[in-house]
């Protein structure tokens, strides 16, 4: 029951501050933790549309797509994430995203 309250809390906070990237990321992660990968992917994609430089969201959005069975969507997100990580100078994130993409095939 408390996990449902957390989801509702995050949604309420986002209504008050819709441009808050951290809250949007947390919402996506909460959906993932509740076993709702399609909703997680949608929340994280929304974040990435608003802020394509939010590198951690690419991995989580791609992972959510994988869990939802959207493997093409996952591949696209991993590729976009690699590019975003390289632009940000984050070679560690780029290598993690590449490894996940390689595993997906």
PDB file of N, CA and C in Angstrom:
ATOM      1  N   UNK A   1       0.826  -1.201   0.000  1.00  0.00           N
ATOM      2  CA  UNK A   1       0.000   0.000   0.000  1.00  0.00           C
ATOM      3  C   UNK A   1       0.863   1.255   0.000  1.00  0.00           C
ATOM      4  N   UNK A   2       1.974   1.211   0.727  1.00  0.00           N
ATOM      5  CA  UNK A   2       2.832   2.396   0.793  1.00  0.00           C
ATOM      6  C   UNK A   2       3.449   2.730  -0.557  1.00  0.00           C
ATOM      7  N   UNK A   3       3.752   1.714  -1.385  1.00  0.00           N
ATOM      8  CA  UNK A   3       4.318   2.013  -2.701  1.00  0.00           C
ATOM      9  C   UNK A   3       3.321   2.802  -3.542  1.00  0.00           C
ATOM     10  N   UNK A   4       2.041   2.508  -3.393  1.00  0.00           N
ATOM     11  CA  UNK A   4       1.033   3.265  -4.123  1.00  0.00           C
ATOM     12  C   UNK A   4       1.028   4.708  -3.637  1.00  0.00           C
ATOM     13  N   UNK A   5       1.204   4.901  -2.340  1.00  0.00           N
ATOM     14  CA  UNK A   5       1.272   6.246  -1.790  1.00  0.00           C
ATOM     15  C   UNK A   5       2.471   7.006  -2.316  1.00  0.00           C
ATOM     16  N   UNK A   6       3.585   6.323  -2.481  1.00  0.00           N
ATOM     17  CA  UNK A   6       4.783   6.973  -3.008  1.00  0.00           C
ATOM     18  C   UNK A   6       4.555   7.430  -4.447  1.00  0.00           C
ATOM     19  N   UNK A   7       3.925   6.589  -5.232  1.00  0.00           N
ATOM     20  CA  UNK A   7       3.617   6.945  -6.609  1.00  0.00           C
ATOM     21  C   UNK A   7       2.708   8.172  -6.655  1.00  0.00           C
ATOM     22  N   UNK A   8       1.683   8.142  -5.838  1.00  0.00           N
ATOM     23  CA  UNK A   8       0.762   9.288  -5.794  1.00  0.00           C
ATOM     24  C   UNK A   8       1.465  10.544  -5.297  1.00  0.00           C
ATOM     25  N   UNK A   9       2.360  10.398  -4.314  1.00  0.00           N
ATOM     26  CA  UNK A   9       3.127  11.548  -3.816  1.00  0.00           C
ATOM     27  C   UNK A   9       3.964  12.166  -4.923  1.00  0.00           C
ATOM     28  N   UNK A  10       4.636  11.324  -5.693  1.00  0.00           N
ATOM     29  CA  UNK A  10       5.477  11.828  -6.787  1.00  0.00           C
ATOM     30  C   UNK A  10       4.633  12.512  -7.857  1.00  0.00           C
ATOM     31  N   UNK A  11       3.499  11.929  -8.185  1.00  0.00           N
ATOM     32  CA  UNK A  11       2.622  12.543  -9.178  1.00  0.00           C
ATOM     33  C   UNK A  11       2.115  13.901  -8.705  1.00  0.00           C
ATOM     34  N   UNK A  12       1.780  13.979  -7.430  1.00  0.00           N
ATOM     35  CA  UNK A  12       1.299  15.245  -6.865  1.00  0.00           C
ATOM     36  C   UNK A  12       2.412  16.303  -6.890  1.00  0.00           C
ATOM     37  N   UNK A  13       3.617  15.895  -6.524  1.00  0.00           N
ATOM     38  CA  UNK A  13       4.741  16.832  -6.548  1.00  0.00           C
ATOM     39  C   UNK A  13       5.037  17.301  -7.966  1.00  0.00           C
ATOM     40  N   UNK A  14       4.915  16.398  -8.932  1.00  0.00           N
ATOM     41  CA  UNK A  14       5.144  16.777 -10.329  1.00  0.00           C
ATOM     42  C   UNK A  14       4.078  17.728 -10.851  1.00  0.00           C
ATOM     43  N   UNK A  15       2.863  17.581 -10.361  1.00  0.00           N
ATOM     44  CA  UNK A  15       1.809  18.526 -10.743  1.00  0.00           C
ATOM     45  C   UNK A  15       2.168  19.927 -10.278  1.00  0.00           C
ATOM     46  N   UNK A  16       2.800  20.021  -9.111  1.00  0.00           N
ATOM     47  CA  UNK A  16       3.196  21.318  -8.566  1.00  0.00           C
ATOM     48  C   UNK A  16       4.448  21.867  -9.249  1.00  0.00           C
ATOM     49  N   UNK A  17       5.321  20.961  -9.738  1.00  0.00           N
ATOM     50  CA  UNK A  17       6.592  21.377 -10.339  1.00  0.00           C
ATOM     51  C   UNK A  17       6.878  20.494 -11.559  1.00  0.00           C
ATOM     52  N   UNK A  18       6.119  20.681 -12.644  1.00  0.00           N
ATOM     53  CA  UNK A  18       6.213  19.772 -13.788  1.00  0.00           C
ATOM     54  C   UNK A  18       7.563  19.781 -14.509  1.00  0.00           C
ATOM     55  N   UNK A  19       8.366  20.786 -14.307  1.00  0.00           N
ATOM     56  CA  UNK A  19       9.667  20.860 -14.977  1.00  0.00           C
ATOM     57  C   UNK A  19      10.789  20.242 -14.141  1.00  0.00           C
ATOM     58  N   UNK A  20      10.446  19.628 -13.027  1.00  0.00           N
ATOM     59  CA  UNK A  20      11.454  19.070 -12.132  1.00  0.00           C
ATOM     60  C   UNK A  20      11.923  17.712 -12.664  1.00  0.00           C
ATOM     61  N   UNK A  21      13.114  17.714 -13.282  1.00  0.00           N
ATOM     62  CA  UNK A  21      13.641  16.494 -13.887  1.00  0.00           C
ATOM     63  C   UNK A  21      13.882  15.385 -12.870  1.00  0.00           C
ATOM     64  N   UNK A  22      14.341  15.756 -11.712  1.00  0.00           N
ATOM     65  CA  UNK A  22      14.631  14.741 -10.697  1.00  0.00           C
ATOM     66  C   UNK A  22      13.348  14.020 -10.268  1.00  0.00           C
ATOM     67  N   UNK A  23      12.280  14.776 -10.087  1.00  0.00           N
ATOM     68  CA  UNK A  23      11.002  14.158  -9.735  1.00  0.00           C
ATOM     69  C   UNK A  23      10.500  13.249 -10.860  1.00  0.00           C
ATOM     70  N   UNK A  24      10.672  13.677 -12.099  1.00  0.00           N
ATOM     71  CA  UNK A  24      10.239  12.865 -13.242  1.00  0.00           C
ATOM     72  C   UNK A  24      11.038  11.560 -13.293  1.00  0.00           C
ATOM     73  N   UNK A  25      12.329  11.654 -13.023  1.00  0.00           N
ATOM     74  CA  UNK A  25      13.181  10.469 -12.984  1.00  0.00           C
ATOM     75  C   UNK A  25      12.729   9.538 -11.857  1.00  0.00           C
ATOM     76  N   UNK A  26      12.467  10.115 -10.705  1.00  0.00           N
ATOM     77  CA  UNK A  26      12.008   9.315  -9.566  1.00  0.00           C
ATOM     78  C   UNK A  26      10.675   8.631  -9.870  1.00  0.00           C
ATOM     79  N   UNK A  27       9.805   9.311 -10.592  1.00  0.00           N
ATOM     80  CA  UNK A  27       8.528   8.717 -10.980  1.00  0.00           C
ATOM     81  C   UNK A  27       8.775   7.490 -11.866  1.00  0.00           C
ATOM     82  N   UNK A  28       9.648   7.625 -12.841  1.00  0.00           N
ATOM     83  CA  UNK A  28       9.976   6.497 -13.698  1.00  0.00           C
ATOM     84  C   UNK A  28      10.546   5.336 -12.913  1.00  0.00           C
ATOM     85  N   UNK A  29      11.420   5.635 -11.966  1.00  0.00           N
ATOM     86  CA  UNK A  29      12.021   4.579 -11.151  1.00  0.00           C
ATOM     87  C   UNK A  29      10.985   3.915 -10.250  1.00  0.00           C
ATOM     88  N   UNK A  30      10.046   4.696  -9.769  1.00  0.00           N
ATOM     89  CA  UNK A  30       8.984   4.125  -8.926  1.00  0.00           C
ATOM     90  C   UNK A  30       8.104   3.179  -9.747  1.00  0.00           C
ATOM     91  N   UNK A  31       7.769   3.580 -10.969  1.00  0.00           N
ATOM     92  CA  UNK A  31       7.012   2.679 -11.833  1.00  0.00           C
ATOM     93  C   UNK A  31       7.785   1.378 -12.052  1.00  0.00           C
ATOM     94  N   UNK A  32       9.086   1.480 -12.278  1.00  0.00           N
ATOM     95  CA  UNK A  32       9.904   0.275 -12.459  1.00  0.00           C
ATOM     96  C   UNK A  32       9.857  -0.606 -11.213  1.00  0.00           C
ATOM     97  N   UNK A  33       9.987   0.011 -10.050  1.00  0.00           N
ATOM     98  CA  UNK A  33       9.995  -0.772  -8.814  1.00  0.00           C
ATOM     99  C   UNK A  33       8.652  -1.441  -8.559  1.00  0.00           C
ATOM    100  N   UNK A  34       7.600  -0.893  -9.131  1.00  0.00           N
ATOM    101  CA  UNK A  34       6.260  -1.480  -8.975  1.00  0.00           C
ATOM    102  C   UNK A  34       5.930  -2.468 -10.093  1.00  0.00           C
ATOM    103  N   UNK A  35       6.914  -2.733 -10.964  1.00  0.00           N
ATOM    104  CA  UNK A  35       6.674  -3.694 -12.037  1.00  0.00           C
ATOM    105  C   UNK A  35       5.795  -3.163 -13.146  1.00  0.00           C
ATOM    106  N   UNK A  36       5.876  -1.861 -13.399  1.00  0.00           N
ATOM    107  CA  UNK A  36       5.090  -1.229 -14.460  1.00  0.00           C
ATOM    108  C   UNK A  36       6.040  -0.622 -15.488  1.00  0.00           C
ATOM    109  N   UNK A  37       6.679  -1.482 -16.311  1.00  0.00           N
ATOM    110  CA  UNK A  37       7.710  -0.981 -17.212  1.00  0.00           C
ATOM    111  C   UNK A  37       7.204  -0.050 -18.313  1.00  0.00           C
ATOM    112  N   UNK A  38       5.999  -0.279 -18.819  1.00  0.00           N
ATOM    113  CA  UNK A  38       5.487   0.609 -19.870  1.00  0.00           C
ATOM    114  C   UNK A  38       5.305   2.025 -19.333  1.00  0.00           C
ATOM    115  N   UNK A  39       4.770   2.126 -18.122  1.00  0.00           N
ATOM    116  CA  UNK A  39       4.584   3.444 -17.509  1.00  0.00           C
ATOM    117  C   UNK A  39       5.932   4.084 -17.191  1.00  0.00           C
ATOM    118  N   UNK A  40       6.874   3.273 -16.751  1.00  0.00           N
ATOM    119  CA  UNK A  40       8.223   3.774 -16.471  1.00  0.00           C
ATOM    120  C   UNK A  40       8.857   4.327 -17.731  1.00  0.00           C
ATOM    121  N   UNK A  41       8.764   3.573 -18.817  1.00  0.00           N
ATOM    122  CA  UNK A  41       9.349   4.019 -20.083  1.00  0.00           C
ATOM    123  C   UNK A  41       8.718   5.339 -20.530  1.00  0.00           C
ATOM    124  N   UNK A  42       7.408   5.448 -20.401  1.00  0.00           N
ATOM    125  CA  UNK A  42       6.721   6.683 -20.799  1.00  0.00           C
ATOM    126  C   UNK A  42       7.181   7.865 -19.952  1.00  0.00           C
ATOM    127  N   UNK A  43       7.289   7.671 -18.646  1.00  0.00           N
ATOM    128  CA  UNK A  43       7.721   8.756 -17.756  1.00  0.00           C
ATOM    129  C   UNK A  43       9.152   9.181 -18.076  1.00  0.00           C
ATOM    130  N   UNK A  44      10.018   8.211 -18.311  1.00  0.00           N
ATOM    131  CA  UNK A  44      11.419   8.529 -18.583  1.00  0.00           C
ATOM    132  C   UNK A  44      11.600   9.120 -19.978  1.00  0.00           C
ATOM    133  N   UNK A  45      10.831   8.652 -20.941  1.00  0.00           N
ATOM    134  CA  UNK A  45      10.884   9.261 -22.279  1.00  0.00           C
ATOM    135  C   UNK A  45      10.425  10.717 -22.221  1.00  0.00           C
ATOM    136  N   UNK A  46       9.418  10.979 -21.412  1.00  0.00           N
ATOM    137  CA  UNK A  46       8.949  12.354 -21.244  1.00  0.00           C
ATOM    138  C   UNK A  46      10.067  13.239 -20.706  1.00  0.00           C
ATOM    139  N   UNK A  47      10.787  12.721 -19.737  1.00  0.00           N
ATOM    140  CA  UNK A  47      11.937  13.449 -19.189  1.00  0.00           C
ATOM    141  C   UNK A  47      12.974  13.704 -20.276  1.00  0.00           C
ATOM    142  N   UNK A  48      13.279  12.695 -21.080  1.00  0.00           N
ATOM    143  CA  UNK A  48      14.311  12.835 -22.109  1.00  0.00           C
ATOM    144  C   UNK A  48      13.894  13.775 -23.231  1.00  0.00           C
ATOM    145  N   UNK A  49      12.604  13.867 -23.498  1.00  0.00           N
ATOM    146  CA  UNK A  49      12.127  14.843 -24.480  1.00  0.00           C
ATOM    147  C   UNK A  49      12.404  16.258 -23.989  1.00  0.00           C
ATOM    148  N   UNK A  50      12.216  16.453 -22.698  1.00  0.00           N
ATOM    149  CA  UNK A  50      12.417  17.763 -22.096  1.00  0.00           C
ATOM    150  C   UNK A  50      13.897  18.065 -21.895  1.00  0.00           C
ATOM    151  N   UNK A  51      14.664  17.050 -21.522  1.00  0.00           N
ATOM    152  CA  UNK A  51      16.086  17.246 -21.231  1.00  0.00           C
ATOM    153  C   UNK A  51      16.898  16.083 -21.795  1.00  0.00           C
ATOM    154  N   UNK A  52      17.276  16.152 -23.072  1.00  0.00           N
ATOM    155  CA  UNK A  52      18.018  15.055 -23.696  1.00  0.00           C
ATOM    156  C   UNK A  52      19.413  14.846 -23.114  1.00  0.00           C
ATOM    157  N   UNK A  53      19.856  15.724 -22.237  1.00  0.00           N
ATOM    158  CA  UNK A  53      21.155  15.583 -21.604  1.00  0.00           C
ATOM    159  C   UNK A  53      21.114  14.867 -20.266  1.00  0.00           C
ATOM    160  N   UNK A  54      19.954  14.383 -19.850  1.00  0.00           N
ATOM    161  CA  UNK A  54      19.803  13.693 -18.563  1.00  0.00           C
ATOM    162  C   UNK A  54      20.216  12.232 -18.766  1.00  0.00           C
ATOM    163  N   UNK A  55      21.506  11.999 -18.758  1.00  0.00           N
ATOM    164  CA  UNK A  55      22.093  10.720 -19.165  1.00  0.00           C
ATOM    165  C   UNK A  55      21.560   9.511 -18.397  1.00  0.00           C
ATOM    166  N   UNK A  56      21.421   9.545 -17.066  1.00  0.00           N
ATOM    167  CA  UNK A  56      20.962   8.331 -16.370  1.00  0.00           C
ATOM    168  C   UNK A  56      19.590   7.835 -16.829  1.00  0.00           C
ATOM    169  N   UNK A  57      18.776   8.727 -17.335  1.00  0.00           N
ATOM    170  CA  UNK A  57      17.429   8.331 -17.749  1.00  0.00           C
ATOM    171  C   UNK A  57      17.446   7.419 -18.973  1.00  0.00           C
ATOM    172  N   UNK A  58      18.480   7.510 -19.800  1.00  0.00           N
ATOM    173  CA  UNK A  58      18.530   6.658 -20.991  1.00  0.00           C
ATOM    174  C   UNK A  58      18.622   5.185 -20.604  1.00  0.00           C
ATOM    175  N   UNK A  59      19.517   4.875 -19.687  1.00  0.00           N
ATOM    176  CA  UNK A  59      19.686   3.477 -19.278  1.00  0.00           C
ATOM    177  C   UNK A  59      18.395   2.936 -18.675  1.00  0.00           C
ATOM    178  N   UNK A  60      17.799   3.703 -17.779  1.00  0.00           N
ATOM    179  CA  UNK A  60      16.590   3.241 -17.101  1.00  0.00           C
ATOM    180  C   UNK A  60      15.410   3.147 -18.063  1.00  0.00           C
ATOM    181  N   UNK A  61      15.293   4.101 -18.979  1.00  0.00           N
ATOM    182  CA  UNK A  61      14.207   4.050 -19.964  1.00  0.00           C
ATOM    183  C   UNK A  61      14.381   2.843 -20.876  1.00  0.00           C
ATOM    184  N   UNK A  62      15.614   2.576 -21.299  1.00  0.00           N
ATOM    185  CA  UNK A  62      15.878   1.423 -22.158  1.00  0.00           C
ATOM    186  C   UNK A  62      15.593   0.125 -21.407  1.00  0.00           C
ATOM    187  N   UNK A  63      16.000   0.072 -20.163  1.00  0.00           N
ATOM    188  CA  UNK A  63      15.730  -1.107 -19.333  1.00  0.00           C
ATOM    189  C   UNK A  63      14.229  -1.327 -19.199  1.00  0.00           C
ATOM    190  N   UNK A  64      13.477  -0.249 -19.004  1.00  0.00           N
ATOM    191  CA  UNK A  64      12.014  -0.354 -18.909  1.00  0.00           C
ATOM    192  C   UNK A  64      11.436  -0.861 -20.222  1.00  0.00           C
ATOM    193  N   UNK A  65      11.949  -0.364 -21.337  1.00  0.00           N
ATOM    194  CA  UNK A  65      11.477  -0.843 -22.643  1.00  0.00           C
ATOM    195  C   UNK A  65      11.739  -2.336 -22.799  1.00  0.00           C
ATOM    196  N   UNK A  66      12.926  -2.768 -22.390  1.00  0.00           N
ATOM    197  CA  UNK A  66      13.247  -4.198 -22.456  1.00  0.00           C
ATOM    198  C   UNK A  66      12.236  -5.003 -21.651  1.00  0.00           C
ATOM    199  N   UNK A  67      11.961  -4.563 -20.436  1.00  0.00           N
ATOM    200  CA  UNK A  67      11.027  -5.286 -19.575  1.00  0.00           C
ATOM    201  C   UNK A  67       9.625  -5.314 -20.163  1.00  0.00           C
ATOM    202  N   UNK A  68       9.281  -4.277 -20.921  1.00  0.00           N
ATOM    203  CA  UNK A  68       7.961  -4.203 -21.551  1.00  0.00           C
ATOM    204  C   UNK A  68       7.928  -4.946 -22.883  1.00  0.00           C
ATOM    205  N   UNK A  69       9.082  -5.472 -23.309  1.00  0.00           N
ATOM    206  CA  UNK A  69       9.142  -6.204 -24.568  1.00  0.00           C
ATOM    207  C   UNK A  69       9.387  -5.347 -25.794  1.00  0.00           C
ATOM    208  N   UNK A  70       9.698  -4.075 -25.597  1.00  0.00           N
ATOM    209  CA  UNK A  70       9.965  -3.145 -26.703  1.00  0.00           C
ATOM    210  C   UNK A  70      11.482  -3.081 -26.936  1.00  0.00           C
ATOM    211  N   UNK A  71      12.006  -4.093 -27.604  1.00  0.00           N
ATOM    212  CA  UNK A  71      13.449  -4.192 -27.771  1.00  0.00           C
ATOM    213  C   UNK A  71      13.997  -3.164 -28.763  1.00  0.00           C
ATOM    214  N   UNK A  72      13.213  -2.810 -29.782  1.00  0.00           N
ATOM    215  CA  UNK A  72      13.652  -1.765 -30.705  1.00  0.00           C
ATOM    216  C   UNK A  72      13.742  -0.420 -29.985  1.00  0.00           C
ATOM    217  N   UNK A  73      12.753  -0.138 -29.144  1.00  0.00           N
ATOM    218  CA  UNK A  73      12.773   1.097 -28.358  1.00  0.00           C
ATOM    219  C   UNK A  73      13.965   1.128 -27.424  1.00  0.00           C
ATOM    220  N   UNK A  74      14.276  -0.017 -26.825  1.00  0.00           N
ATOM    221  CA  UNK A  74      15.431  -0.104 -25.923  1.00  0.00           C
ATOM    222  C   UNK A  74      16.725   0.174 -26.680  1.00  0.00           C
ATOM    223  N   UNK A  75      16.880  -0.444 -27.853  1.00  0.00           N
ATOM    224  CA  UNK A  75      18.091  -0.208 -28.653  1.00  0.00           C
ATOM    225  C   UNK A  75      18.255   1.270 -29.002  1.00  0.00           C
ATOM    226  N   UNK A  76      17.154   1.879 -29.404  1.00  0.00           N
ATOM    227  CA  UNK A  76      17.190   3.302 -29.765  1.00  0.00           C
ATOM    228  C   UNK A  76      17.617   4.152 -28.565  1.00  0.00           C
ATOM    229  N   UNK A  77      17.074   3.854 -27.402  1.00  0.00           N
ATOM    230  CA  UNK A  77      17.412   4.623 -26.203  1.00  0.00           C
ATOM    231  C   UNK A  77      18.862   4.398 -25.790  1.00  0.00           C
ATOM    232  N   UNK A  78      19.341   3.167 -25.873  1.00  0.00           N
ATOM    233  CA  UNK A  78      20.751   2.922 -25.562  1.00  0.00           C
ATOM    234  C   UNK A  78      21.647   3.723 -26.511  1.00  0.00           C
ATOM    235  N   UNK A  79      21.328   3.712 -27.802  1.00  0.00           N
ATOM    236  CA  UNK A  79      22.142   4.459 -28.780  1.00  0.00           C
ATOM    237  C   UNK A  79      22.117   5.966 -28.506  1.00  0.00           C
ATOM    238  N   UNK A  80      20.930   6.489 -28.261  1.00  0.00           N
ATOM    239  CA  UNK A  80      20.820   7.918 -27.947  1.00  0.00           C
ATOM    240  C   UNK A  80      21.549   8.246 -26.647  1.00  0.00           C
ATOM    241  N   UNK A  81      21.474   7.337 -25.683  1.00  0.00           N
ATOM    242  CA  UNK A  81      22.164   7.543 -24.415  1.00  0.00           C
ATOM    243  C   UNK A  81      23.673   7.562 -24.572  1.00  0.00           C
ATOM    244  N   UNK A  82      24.194   6.692 -25.420  1.00  0.00           N
ATOM    245  CA  UNK A  82      25.641   6.674 -25.688  1.00  0.00           C
ATOM    246  C   UNK A  82      26.072   8.012 -26.252  1.00  0.00           C
ATOM    247  N   UNK A  83      25.322   8.518 -27.208  1.00  0.00           N
ATOM    248  CA  UNK A  83      25.638   9.825 -27.799  1.00  0.00           C
ATOM    249  C   UNK A  83      25.571  10.933 -26.752  1.00  0.00           C
ATOM    250  N   UNK A  84      24.532  10.915 -25.933  1.00  0.00           N
ATOM    251  CA  UNK A  84      24.376  11.947 -24.896  1.00  0.00           C
ATOM    252  C   UNK A  84      25.510  11.872 -23.880  1.00  0.00           C
ATOM    253  N   UNK A  85      25.888  10.665 -23.495  1.00  0.00           N
ATOM    254  CA  UNK A  85      26.981  10.495 -22.531  1.00  0.00           C
ATOM    255  C   UNK A  85      28.294  10.992 -23.114  1.00  0.00           C
ATOM    256  N   UNK A  86      28.538  10.698 -24.367  1.00  0.00           N
ATOM    257  CA  UNK A  86      29.770  11.183 -25.011  1.00  0.00           C
ATOM    258  C   UNK A  86      29.785  12.701 -25.080  1.00  0.00           C
ATOM    259  N   UNK A  87      28.641  13.303 -25.425  1.00  0.00           N
ATOM    260  CA  UNK A  87      28.566  14.772 -25.465  1.00  0.00           C
ATOM    261  C   UNK A  87      28.839  15.366 -24.090  1.00  0.00           C
ATOM    262  N   UNK A  88      28.392  14.659 -23.047  1.00  0.00           N
ATOM    263  CA  UNK A  88      28.589  15.146 -21.673  1.00  0.00           C
ATOM    264  C   UNK A  88      29.977  14.815 -21.139  1.00  0.00           C
ATOM    265  N   UNK A  89      30.755  14.057 -21.902  1.00  0.00           N
ATOM    266  CA  UNK A  89      32.088  13.669 -21.448  1.00  0.00           C
ATOM    267  C   UNK A  89      32.061  12.578 -20.391  1.00  0.00           C
ATOM    268  N   UNK A  90      30.984  11.807 -20.361  1.00  0.00           N
ATOM    269  CA  UNK A  90      30.819  10.751 -19.359  1.00  0.00           C
ATOM    270  C   UNK A  90      31.130   9.400 -20.007  1.00  0.00           C
ATOM    271  N   UNK A  91      32.406   9.063 -20.067  1.00  0.00           N
ATOM    272  CA  UNK A  91      32.812   7.830 -20.734  1.00  0.00           C
ATOM    273  C   UNK A  91      32.340   6.591 -19.977  1.00  0.00           C
ATOM    274  N   UNK A  92      32.240   6.687 -18.660  1.00  0.00           N
ATOM    275  CA  UNK A  92      31.754   5.547 -17.876  1.00  0.00           C
ATOM    276  C   UNK A  92      30.310   5.207 -18.254  1.00  0.00           C
ATOM    277  N   UNK A  93      29.450   6.211 -18.285  1.00  0.00           N
ATOM    278  CA  UNK A  93      28.052   5.976 -18.661  1.00  0.00           C
ATOM    279  C   UNK A  93      27.965   5.478 -20.100  1.00  0.00           C
ATOM    280  N   UNK A  94      28.774   6.048 -20.988  1.00  0.00           N
ATOM    281  CA  UNK A  94      28.765   5.610 -22.387  1.00  0.00           C
ATOM    282  C   UNK A  94      29.136   4.135 -22.491  1.00  0.00           C
ATOM    283  N   UNK A  95      30.120   3.707 -21.714  1.00  0.00           N
ATOM    284  CA  UNK A  95      30.538   2.304 -21.776  1.00  0.00           C
ATOM    285  C   UNK A  95      29.478   1.376 -21.180  1.00  0.00           C
ATOM    286  N   UNK A  96      28.801   1.823 -20.123  1.00  0.00           N
ATOM    287  CA  UNK A  96      27.713   1.014 -19.547  1.00  0.00           C
ATOM    288  C   UNK A  96      26.559   0.870 -20.520  1.00  0.00           C
ATOM    289  N   UNK A  97      26.222   1.966 -21.174  1.00  0.00           N
ATOM    290  CA  UNK A  97      25.146   1.924 -22.160  1.00  0.00           C
ATOM    291  C   UNK A  97      25.518   1.038 -23.339  1.00  0.00           C
ATOM    292  N   UNK A  98      26.776   1.124 -23.777  1.00  0.00           N
ATOM    293  CA  UNK A  98      27.241   0.284 -24.884  1.00  0.00           C
ATOM    294  C   UNK A  98      27.192  -1.188 -24.499  1.00  0.00           C
ATOM    295  N   UNK A  99      27.600  -1.508 -23.278  1.00  0.00           N
ATOM    296  CA  UNK A  99      27.573  -2.900 -22.814  1.00  0.00           C
ATOM    297  C   UNK A  99      26.143  -3.429 -22.787  1.00  0.00           C
ATOM    298  N   UNK A 100      25.202  -2.606 -22.335  1.00  0.00           N
ATOM    299  CA  UNK A 100      23.800  -3.022 -22.305  1.00  0.00           C
ATOM    300  C   UNK A 100      23.272  -3.225 -23.725  1.00  0.00           C
ATOM    301  N   UNK A 101      23.658  -2.344 -24.626  1.00  0.00           N
ATOM    302  CA  UNK A 101      23.240  -2.477 -26.031  1.00  0.00           C
ATOM    303  C   UNK A 101      23.827  -3.752 -26.629  1.00  0.00           C
ATOM    304  N   UNK A 102      25.086  -4.023 -26.347  1.00  0.00           N
ATOM    305  CA  UNK A 102      25.734  -5.236 -26.868  1.00  0.00           C
ATOM    306  C   UNK A 102      25.041  -6.496 -26.361  1.00  0.00           C
ATOM    307  N   UNK A 103      24.636  -6.500 -25.093  1.00  0.00           N
ATOM    308  CA  UNK A 103      23.932  -7.660 -24.530  1.00  0.00           C
ATOM    309  C   UNK A 103      22.572  -7.864 -25.200  1.00  0.00           C
ATOM    310  N   UNK A 104      21.940  -6.744 -25.533  1.00  0.00           N
ATOM    311  CA  UNK A 104      20.619  -6.825 -26.160  1.00  0.00           C
ATOM    312  C   UNK A 104      20.732  -7.344 -27.586  1.00  0.00           C
ATOM    313  N   UNK A 105      21.853  -6.989 -28.210  1.00  0.00           N
ATOM    314  CA  UNK A 105      22.100  -7.480 -29.577  1.00  0.00           C
ATOM    315  C   UNK A 105      21.443  -6.713 -30.658  1.00  0.00           C
TER     316      UNK A 105
END
